[in-house]
C-alpha atoms as a PDB file:
ATOM      1  CA  MET A   1     -11.600   9.710  -3.750  1.00  0.00           C
ATOM      2  CA  GLN A   2     -13.148   7.417  -6.362  1.00  0.00           C
ATOM      3  CA  ALA A   3     -11.243   6.409  -9.515  1.00  0.00           C
ATOM      4  CA  ASP A   4     -12.269   4.431 -12.572  1.00  0.00           C
ATOM      5  CA  VAL A   5      -8.829   2.876 -13.122  1.00  0.00           C
ATOM      6  CA  LYS A   6      -5.866   2.353 -10.830  1.00  0.00           C
ATOM      7  CA  LEU A   7      -2.191   2.416 -11.861  1.00  0.00           C
ATOM      8  CA  ASP A   8       0.373   1.014  -9.445  1.00  0.00           C
ATOM      9  CA  THR A   9       3.797   2.622  -9.875  1.00  0.00           C
ATOM     10  CA  LEU A  10       5.224   1.590  -6.488  1.00  0.00           C
ATOM     11  CA  GLY A  11       8.945   1.070  -6.677  1.00  0.00           C
ATOM     12  CA  TYR A  12       9.381   3.269  -9.737  1.00  0.00           C
ATOM     13  CA  PHE A  13      10.987   6.682  -9.567  1.00  0.00           C
ATOM     14  CA  CYS A  14      11.002   9.755 -11.781  1.00  0.00           C
ATOM     15  CA  PRO A  15      10.288   9.770 -14.672  1.00  0.00           C
ATOM     16  CA  MET A  16       8.689   6.306 -14.746  1.00  0.00           C
ATOM     17  CA  PRO A  17       5.409   7.154 -12.890  1.00  0.00           C
ATOM     18  CA  ILE A  18       4.777   9.989 -15.382  1.00  0.00           C
ATOM     19  CA  ILE A  19       5.679   7.821 -18.380  1.00  0.00           C
ATOM     20  CA  MET A  20       3.411   5.038 -17.128  1.00  0.00           C
ATOM     21  CA  THR A  21       0.613   7.572 -16.517  1.00  0.00           C
ATOM     22  CA  SER A  22       0.987   8.967 -20.010  1.00  0.00           C
ATOM     23  CA  LYS A  23       0.589   5.488 -21.510  1.00  0.00           C
ATOM     24  CA  LYS A  24      -2.277   4.414 -19.241  1.00  0.00           C
ATOM     25  CA  ILE A  25      -4.426   7.527 -19.648  1.00  0.00           C
ATOM     26  CA  LYS A  26      -4.581   6.873 -23.400  1.00  0.00           C
ATOM     27  CA  GLU A  27      -6.647   3.747 -22.596  1.00  0.00           C
ATOM     28  CA  LEU A  28      -9.293   5.745 -20.671  1.00  0.00           C
ATOM     29  CA  ALA A  29     -12.437   7.393 -22.035  1.00  0.00           C
ATOM     30  CA  LEU A  30     -12.948  11.143 -21.659  1.00  0.00           C
ATOM     31  CA  GLY A  31     -13.990  12.043 -18.127  1.00  0.00           C
ATOM     32  CA  GLN A  32     -12.664   8.880 -16.508  1.00  0.00           C
ATOM     33  CA  VAL A  33     -10.390   9.272 -13.476  1.00  0.00           C
ATOM     34  CA  LEU A  34      -7.063   7.498 -13.148  1.00  0.00           C
ATOM     35  CA  GLU A  35      -5.576   6.845  -9.699  1.00  0.00           C
ATOM     36  CA  VAL A  36      -1.793   6.722  -9.797  1.00  0.00           C
ATOM     37  CA  VAL A  37      -0.226   5.117  -6.708  1.00  0.00           C
ATOM     38  CA  SER A  38       3.421   5.961  -6.134  1.00  0.00           C
ATOM     39  CA  ASP A  39       6.060   5.971  -3.427  1.00  0.00           C
ATOM     40  CA  ASP A  40       8.086   8.608  -5.261  1.00  0.00           C
ATOM     41  CA  GLU A  41       7.667  11.933  -3.428  1.00  0.00           C
ATOM     42  CA  GLY A  42       8.480  13.710  -6.692  1.00  0.00           C
ATOM     43  CA  ILE A  43       5.002  12.866  -7.934  1.00  0.00           C
ATOM     44  CA  LYS A  44       3.620  15.693  -5.783  1.00  0.00           C
ATOM     45  CA  LYS A  45       5.192  18.223  -8.146  1.00  0.00           C
ATOM     46  CA  ASP A  46       5.569  16.147 -11.314  1.00  0.00           C
ATOM     47  CA  MET A  47       1.926  15.102 -11.706  1.00  0.00           C
ATOM     48  CA  PRO A  48       0.373  18.603 -11.498  1.00  0.00           C
ATOM     49  CA  ALA A  49       3.035  19.842 -13.950  1.00  0.00           C
ATOM     50  CA  TRP A  50       2.316  16.976 -16.324  1.00  0.00           C
ATOM     51  CA  CYS A  51      -1.421  17.649 -16.122  1.00  0.00           C
ATOM     52  CA  GLU A  52      -0.878  21.320 -16.899  1.00  0.00           C
ATOM     53  CA  THR A  53       1.334  20.484 -19.848  1.00  0.00           C
ATOM     54  CA  THR A  54      -0.934  17.781 -21.307  1.00  0.00           C
ATOM     55  CA  GLY A  55      -4.321  19.391 -20.591  1.00  0.00           C
ATOM     56  CA  HIS A  56      -5.634  16.721 -18.254  1.00  0.00           C
ATOM     57  CA  HIS A  57      -7.277  17.737 -14.965  1.00  0.00           C
ATOM     58  CA  MET A  58      -5.559  17.082 -11.626  1.00  0.00           C
ATOM     59  CA  VAL A  59      -8.441  16.091  -9.395  1.00  0.00           C
ATOM     60  CA  GLY A  60      -6.511  15.608  -6.174  1.00  0.00           C
ATOM     61  CA  MET A  61      -3.619  14.136  -4.267  1.00  0.00           C
ATOM     62  CA  GLU A  62      -3.663  12.006  -1.136  1.00  0.00           C
ATOM     63  CA  GLU A  63      -0.827  10.852   1.115  1.00  0.00           C
ATOM     64  CA  GLU A  64      -0.832   7.810   3.362  1.00  0.00           C
ATOM     65  CA  GLN A  65       1.687   6.269   5.689  1.00  0.00           C
ATOM     66  CA  ALA A  66       2.217   2.613   4.769  1.00  0.00           C
ATOM     67  CA  THR A  67       4.441   0.120   6.521  1.00  0.00           C
ATOM     68  CA  SER A  68       6.978   0.528   3.712  1.00  0.00           C
ATOM     69  CA  GLY A  69       6.910   4.348   3.806  1.00  0.00           C
ATOM     70  CA  ARG A  70       4.842   7.190   2.339  1.00  0.00           C
ATOM     71  CA  VAL A  71       2.436   6.387  -0.442  1.00  0.00           C
ATOM     72  CA  TYR A  72       1.012   9.066  -2.738  1.00  0.00           C
ATOM     73  CA  LYS A  73      -2.212   8.769  -4.697  1.00  0.00           C
ATOM     74  CA  ALA A  74      -2.665  11.188  -7.607  1.00  0.00           C
ATOM     75  CA  PHE A  75      -6.093  11.420  -9.250  1.00  0.00           C
ATOM     76  CA  VAL A  76      -6.125  12.553 -12.881  1.00  0.00           C
ATOM     77  CA  LYS A  77      -9.240  13.090 -14.980  1.00  0.00           C
ATOM     78  CA  LYS A  78      -8.811  12.532 -18.710  1.00  0.00           C
ATOM     79  CA  ALA A  79      -9.801  15.806 -20.355  1.00  0.00           C
ATOM     80  CA  LYS A  80      -8.874  15.311 -23.986  1.00  0.00           C
END
């Protein structure tokens, strides 16, 4: 999946990835996609909930196995 901007939140756990996403998405233009990279499994539920609450569009979620463990990539499209 292609993103316009990438946000690395590796090593941070709830609620930091969501707080960092909230700050970063304010820097994007409408329609741009933000990729949030996290090793916090909670992002699988937290990011869709945050998108629903804030009105942004959850484009997708990917999981990968890295040498350090599972890595999650959430793709959020700025909608307002």
